[in-house]
């Protein structure tokens, strides 16, 4: 009997699976997200390149040419403006951050829903007010209104270096500009902190209350530790707004090339952004390059601030959704 070997059967080809529309959407979204990130980096690189190229003539110019055709030696000229930029922003944050955190906590954990919702809308609406409106309010309304208060500070607290010196007769001082900046950054910091506080784990809050903690103790133990990276990010965003503000500062502050910590006198340091806005219309030649180089300094200051903020947030990555 002849035995025949069985013929090998070819495996049947698997049917082509239909593409998952969700996976296709994920690929499209990933491509759009990556393209957006690359586009932002490209814009940042183009801005930095423009500032470097246009500011290089002032950075590497002969000091004699800067003295005759520009505003003077670049480092000594831009240093007071850089100081004024940082000083005004720090004063603004010192006033705005405690108030913003307090308002955000009130909206998220103390106010009733009927009060919290319109108050939140009002805070968001305040963030949309144009800078020129704040500048008009600061120069026309705020400066004369705070003049008696400045007089009291100078008379009773003049032994403190901040409040010493000859009092300004107009009230348009670096402190007034800082109050305007604080009002401008207040809604930004408040809105972000409010959203972060609302994201605190409810189980942690309920556990703290169940153990007998008061509402403030619950906030201190369960909400603030969770929200710390978000608070830092909100503060740094507000600082970036304060560092780059132009119109409001230039309309309120009559500043100059001064380095002083006194906040009530008429000799006030100016900011880089305000100095550029005030000098650019009449600048030409090397002066234009020098103003652009000052913009490069402001760009670097803002970049360093954001890098510091990112480093602080990254130290507590377990609480942050940004990593």
Protein backbone atom coordinates (compact mmCIF):
# COMPACT_ATOMS: atom_id res chain seq x y z
CA UNK A 1 0.00 0.00 0.00
CA UNK A 2 1.40 3.36 -1.04
CA UNK A 3 1.37 5.96 1.62
CA UNK A 4 1.12 9.49 0.39
CA UNK A 5 2.34 12.35 2.54
CA UNK A 6 -0.36 14.80 3.35
CA UNK A 7 -0.05 18.04 1.50
CA UNK A 8 0.73 21.11 3.58
CA UNK A 9 -2.21 23.34 3.84
CA UNK A 10 -1.56 27.07 3.50
CA UNK A 11 -2.85 29.08 6.37
CA UNK A 12 -5.76 31.19 5.36
CA UNK A 13 -4.95 34.86 5.20
CA UNK A 14 -6.35 36.87 8.09
CA UNK A 15 -8.98 39.36 7.08
CA UNK A 16 -7.80 42.95 6.92
CA UNK A 17 -8.93 44.62 10.13
CA UNK A 18 -10.79 47.84 9.70
CA UNK A 19 -8.73 50.82 10.94
CA UNK A 20 -9.73 52.06 14.35
CA UNK A 21 -10.98 55.63 13.96
CA UNK A 22 -9.82 56.41 17.50
CA UNK A 23 -6.25 55.42 16.66
CA UNK A 24 -6.39 57.55 13.52
CA UNK A 25 -7.60 60.48 15.58
CA UNK A 26 -4.79 59.93 18.09
CA UNK A 27 -2.22 60.06 15.31
CA UNK A 28 -3.70 63.25 13.92
CA UNK A 29 -3.81 64.86 17.35
CA UNK A 30 -0.24 63.78 18.12
CA UNK A 31 0.92 65.28 14.84
CA UNK A 32 -0.90 68.55 15.49
CA UNK A 33 0.49 68.75 19.01
CA UNK A 34 4.04 68.08 17.84
CA UNK A 35 3.67 70.58 15.01
CA UNK A 36 2.36 73.22 17.38
CA UNK A 37 5.28 72.69 19.75
CA UNK A 38 7.79 72.93 16.91
CA UNK A 39 6.04 76.04 15.59
CA UNK A 40 6.28 77.74 18.99
CA UNK A 41 9.97 76.89 19.25
CA UNK A 42 10.49 78.22 15.73
CA UNK A 43 8.80 81.52 16.58
CA UNK A 44 10.89 81.79 19.77
CA UNK A 45 14.07 81.13 17.78
CA UNK A 46 13.11 83.73 15.16
CA UNK A 47 12.42 86.35 17.83
CA UNK A 48 15.71 85.63 19.56
CA UNK A 49 17.56 85.74 16.22
CA UNK A 50 16.01 89.09 15.35
CA UNK A 51 16.99 90.58 18.70
CA UNK A 52 20.54 89.26 18.44
CA UNK A 53 21.08 90.36 14.84
CA UNK A 54 19.54 93.81 15.24
CA UNK A 55 21.05 94.42 18.68
CA UNK A 56 24.55 93.20 17.82
CA UNK A 57 25.71 96.60 16.42
CA UNK A 58 25.04 98.18 19.82
CA UNK A 59 26.48 95.28 21.80
CA UNK A 60 29.79 95.30 19.91
CA UNK A 61 30.00 98.97 18.99
CA UNK A 62 32.88 101.20 19.91
CA UNK A 63 32.20 103.02 23.22
CA UNK A 64 33.04 106.29 21.49
CA UNK A 65 30.35 105.68 18.86
CA UNK A 66 27.85 104.79 21.58
CA UNK A 67 28.66 108.00 23.41
CA UNK A 68 28.20 110.19 20.33
CA UNK A 69 25.58 108.32 18.28
CA UNK A 70 23.79 106.29 20.94
CA UNK A 71 22.69 106.55 24.55
CA UNK A 72 26.09 105.81 26.01
CA UNK A 73 27.95 102.66 27.01
CA UNK A 74 25.41 99.83 26.77
CA UNK A 75 25.89 98.06 30.11
CA UNK A 76 25.79 101.24 32.18
CA UNK A 77 22.82 102.52 30.16
CA UNK A 78 20.64 99.41 30.37
CA UNK A 79 21.46 98.48 33.99
CA UNK A 80 19.08 101.06 35.60
CA UNK A 81 16.25 99.98 33.29
CA UNK A 82 16.84 96.31 34.06
CA UNK A 83 16.81 97.15 37.76
CA UNK A 84 13.58 99.13 37.40
CA UNK A 85 11.95 96.28 35.48
CA UNK A 86 12.71 93.70 38.16
CA UNK A 87 12.05 96.10 41.07
CA UNK A 88 8.61 97.16 39.83
CA UNK A 89 7.62 93.56 39.10
CA UNK A 90 8.71 92.36 42.55
CA UNK A 91 6.81 95.17 44.26
CA UNK A 92 3.73 94.25 42.23
CA UNK A 93 4.00 90.57 43.15
CA UNK A 94 4.50 91.39 46.83
CA UNK A 95 1.13 93.15 46.80
CA UNK A 96 -0.76 90.90 44.37
CA UNK A 97 0.18 87.34 45.41
CA UNK A 98 -1.26 87.30 48.98
CA UNK A 99 -4.47 88.99 47.82
CA UNK A 100 -4.81 86.67 44.81
CA UNK A 101 -4.33 83.51 46.90
CA UNK A 102 -6.82 84.80 49.47
CA UNK A 103 -9.45 85.57 46.81
CA UNK A 104 -8.89 82.19 45.14
CA UNK A 105 -9.31 80.36 48.46
CA UNK A 106 -12.44 82.34 49.25
CA UNK A 107 -14.00 81.48 45.88
CA UNK A 108 -13.04 77.80 46.00
CA UNK A 109 -13.56 76.88 49.67
CA UNK A 110 -15.50 79.56 51.53
CA UNK A 111 -18.00 81.36 49.29
CA UNK A 112 -21.37 79.88 48.44
CA UNK A 113 -22.03 78.85 44.86
CA UNK A 114 -24.30 81.85 44.28
CA UNK A 115 -21.50 84.20 45.29
CA UNK A 116 -18.52 82.25 43.94
CA UNK A 117 -19.78 82.01 40.36
CA UNK A 118 -20.32 85.75 39.70
CA UNK A 119 -17.16 86.61 41.60
CA UNK A 120 -15.21 84.24 39.38
CA UNK A 121 -16.72 85.83 36.28
CA UNK A 122 -15.76 89.27 37.59
CA UNK A 123 -12.15 88.18 38.14
CA UNK A 124 -11.96 86.73 34.64
CA UNK A 125 -13.46 89.91 33.21
CA UNK A 126 -10.85 92.02 34.99
CA UNK A 127 -8.12 90.08 33.18
CA UNK A 128 -9.53 91.25 29.83
CA UNK A 129 -9.23 94.98 30.57
CA UNK A 130 -6.71 96.59 28.17
CA UNK A 131 -3.43 97.92 29.53
CA UNK A 132 -4.13 101.46 28.38
CA UNK A 133 -7.24 101.56 30.59
CA UNK A 134 -5.16 100.61 33.61
CA UNK A 135 -2.64 103.28 32.61
CA UNK A 136 -5.30 105.98 32.41
CA UNK A 137 -6.77 104.91 35.73
CA UNK A 138 -3.35 104.89 37.38
CA UNK A 139 -2.26 108.30 36.13
CA UNK A 140 -5.56 110.19 36.47
CA UNK A 141 -7.30 108.53 39.43
CA UNK A 142 -4.85 106.47 41.47
CA UNK A 143 -1.85 108.81 41.60
CA UNK A 144 -3.72 111.79 43.13
CA UNK A 145 -5.70 109.48 45.44
CA UNK A 146 -2.64 107.85 47.04
CA UNK A 147 -0.77 111.12 47.50
CA UNK A 148 -2.04 111.66 51.10
CA UNK A 149 -1.18 108.06 51.96
CA UNK A 150 2.34 108.54 50.61
CA UNK A 151 2.65 111.67 52.73
CA UNK A 152 1.69 109.67 55.81
CA UNK A 153 4.21 106.94 54.96
CA UNK A 154 6.97 109.48 54.41
CA UNK A 155 6.18 111.30 57.67
CA UNK A 156 5.70 108.35 60.02
CA UNK A 157 7.79 105.62 58.35
CA UNK A 158 10.48 107.75 56.75
CA UNK A 159 13.13 106.02 58.84
CA UNK A 160 12.62 102.98 56.59
CA UNK A 161 14.76 103.41 53.44
CA UNK A 162 11.85 102.45 51.17
CA UNK A 163 9.76 105.42 52.33
CA UNK A 164 12.52 107.99 52.79
CA UNK A 165 13.59 110.83 50.49
CA UNK A 166 11.83 113.86 49.07
CA UNK A 167 8.19 113.04 48.48
CA UNK A 168 6.88 113.28 44.92
CA UNK A 169 4.29 116.00 44.42
CA UNK A 170 2.34 114.12 41.75
CA UNK A 171 2.09 110.64 43.25
CA UNK A 172 3.38 109.12 40.01
CA UNK A 173 6.10 107.00 41.57
CA UNK A 174 7.45 103.51 41.19
CA UNK A 175 5.08 102.40 43.96
CA UNK A 176 2.07 103.72 42.02
CA UNK A 177 3.25 101.87 38.93
CA UNK A 178 3.66 98.73 41.05
CA UNK A 179 0.09 99.08 42.35
CA UNK A 180 -1.16 99.31 38.76
CA UNK A 181 0.89 96.25 37.81
CA UNK A 182 -0.43 94.38 40.86
CA UNK A 183 -3.98 95.16 39.77
CA UNK A 184 -3.19 93.85 36.28
CA UNK A 185 -1.62 90.57 37.38
CA UNK A 186 -4.12 89.96 40.19
CA UNK A 187 -6.83 88.34 38.00
CA UNK A 188 -4.29 86.11 36.23
CA UNK A 189 -2.87 84.72 39.47
CA UNK A 190 -6.32 84.46 41.05
CA UNK A 191 -7.87 82.54 38.16
CA UNK A 192 -5.06 80.00 37.97
CA UNK A 193 -4.89 79.50 41.73
CA UNK A 194 -8.66 79.07 41.90
CA UNK A 195 -8.57 76.29 39.31
CA UNK A 196 -5.68 74.58 41.10
CA UNK A 197 -7.44 74.75 44.47
CA UNK A 198 -10.57 73.22 42.94
CA UNK A 199 -8.48 70.26 41.72
CA UNK A 200 -7.32 69.33 45.23
CA UNK A 201 -8.32 65.71 46.08
CA UNK A 202 -11.71 65.74 47.80
CA UNK A 203 -10.85 62.60 49.73
CA UNK A 204 -7.90 64.36 51.36
CA UNK A 205 -10.08 67.30 52.32
CA UNK A 206 -12.83 65.10 53.72
CA UNK A 207 -10.29 62.99 55.64
CA UNK A 208 -8.81 66.09 57.26
CA UNK A 209 -12.25 67.37 58.24
CA UNK A 210 -13.23 63.92 59.56
CA UNK A 211 -10.17 63.93 61.82
CA UNK A 212 -11.38 67.14 63.43
CA UNK A 213 -9.42 69.74 61.46
CA UNK A 214 -10.90 73.17 60.99
CA UNK A 215 -11.44 74.46 57.49
CA UNK A 216 -8.21 76.47 57.57
CA UNK A 217 -6.27 73.48 58.93
CA UNK A 218 -7.74 71.35 56.14
CA UNK A 219 -6.62 73.93 53.56
CA UNK A 220 -3.15 74.09 55.10
CA UNK A 221 -2.71 70.30 55.19
CA UNK A 222 -4.57 69.10 52.08
CA UNK A 223 -5.01 71.96 49.61
CA UNK A 224 -1.90 74.13 49.76
CA UNK A 225 0.65 71.27 49.51
CA UNK A 226 -1.16 69.92 46.47
CA UNK A 227 -1.49 73.37 44.88
CA UNK A 228 2.06 74.57 45.52
CA UNK A 229 3.40 73.91 41.99
CA UNK A 230 0.31 75.52 40.50
CA UNK A 231 0.73 78.56 42.73
CA UNK A 232 4.35 78.89 41.63
CA UNK A 233 3.33 78.63 37.99
CA UNK A 234 0.60 81.25 38.45
CA UNK A 235 2.98 83.62 40.20
CA UNK A 236 5.56 83.24 37.46
CA UNK A 237 2.97 83.90 34.77
CA UNK A 238 1.97 87.04 36.63
CA UNK A 239 5.63 88.00 36.94
CA UNK A 240 6.08 87.58 33.20
CA UNK A 241 3.12 89.92 32.60
CA UNK A 242 4.57 92.47 35.02
CA UNK A 243 8.06 92.31 33.50
CA UNK A 244 6.83 92.95 29.98
CA UNK A 245 4.13 95.54 30.65
CA UNK A 246 4.67 98.70 28.61
CA UNK A 247 1.76 101.09 28.23
CA UNK A 248 0.52 101.19 31.81
CA UNK A 249 4.00 101.81 33.21
CA UNK A 250 4.90 104.46 30.63
CA UNK A 251 1.63 106.32 31.29
CA UNK A 252 1.95 106.24 35.08
CA UNK A 253 5.67 106.44 35.75
CA UNK A 254 7.94 109.36 34.97
CA UNK A 255 11.08 107.31 35.32
CA UNK A 256 14.69 107.80 34.41
CA UNK A 257 18.06 106.08 34.51
CA UNK A 258 18.13 105.74 38.30
CA UNK A 259 18.93 102.87 40.63
CA UNK A 260 17.18 103.52 43.93
CA UNK A 261 15.03 101.53 46.34
CA UNK A 262 13.05 104.57 47.43
CA UNK A 263 9.46 104.23 46.25
CA UNK A 264 7.97 107.64 47.07
CA UNK A 265 10.33 110.12 45.42
CA UNK A 266 10.17 111.75 42.00
CA UNK A 267 13.48 110.12 40.96
CA UNK A 268 12.19 106.73 39.89
CA UNK A 269 13.84 103.94 37.89
CA UNK A 270 12.19 103.24 34.57
CA UNK A 271 11.52 99.80 33.06
CA UNK A 272 13.03 98.40 29.88
CA UNK A 273 9.68 98.04 28.13
CA UNK A 274 8.63 101.61 28.97
CA UNK A 275 12.02 103.00 27.94
CA UNK A 276 11.79 101.23 24.57
CA UNK A 277 8.25 102.51 23.99
CA UNK A 278 9.18 106.07 24.92
CA UNK A 279 12.41 106.22 22.94
CA UNK A 280 11.71 104.12 19.86
CA UNK A 281 9.61 106.64 17.86
CA UNK A 282 12.48 109.15 17.79
CA UNK A 283 15.37 106.67 17.69
CA UNK A 284 17.54 106.16 14.61
CA UNK A 285 20.77 104.43 13.69
CA UNK A 286 22.73 103.14 16.65
CA UNK A 287 20.04 104.28 19.07
CA UNK A 288 17.56 101.90 17.45
CA UNK A 289 20.04 99.04 17.75
CA UNK A 290 20.59 99.92 21.38
CA UNK A 291 16.88 99.83 22.16
CA UNK A 292 16.58 96.44 20.41
CA UNK A 293 19.53 95.19 22.45
CA UNK A 294 17.64 96.32 25.57
CA UNK A 295 14.73 94.21 24.32
CA UNK A 296 17.16 91.28 24.17
CA UNK A 297 18.03 91.88 27.82
CA UNK A 298 14.32 91.86 28.72
CA UNK A 299 13.90 88.66 26.68
CA UNK A 300 16.71 87.00 28.65
CA UNK A 301 15.31 88.17 31.99
CA UNK A 302 11.92 86.68 31.13
CA UNK A 303 13.54 83.46 29.92
CA UNK A 304 15.54 83.08 33.15
CA UNK A 305 12.41 83.70 35.24
CA UNK A 306 10.49 81.00 33.39
CA UNK A 307 13.39 78.56 33.71
CA UNK A 308 13.48 79.15 37.46
CA UNK A 309 9.73 78.59 37.66
CA UNK A 310 10.03 75.36 35.69
CA UNK A 311 12.78 74.14 38.00
CA UNK A 312 10.67 74.88 41.08
CA UNK A 313 7.67 73.05 39.65
CA UNK A 314 9.81 70.09 38.58
CA UNK A 315 11.05 69.62 42.17
CA UNK A 316 7.53 68.58 43.13
CA UNK A 317 6.61 66.66 39.99
CA UNK A 318 4.50 64.20 41.96
CA UNK A 319 1.93 66.94 42.54
CA UNK A 320 2.10 68.50 39.08
CA UNK A 321 0.16 67.60 35.98
CA UNK A 322 2.61 69.53 33.83
CA UNK A 323 5.21 66.77 33.76
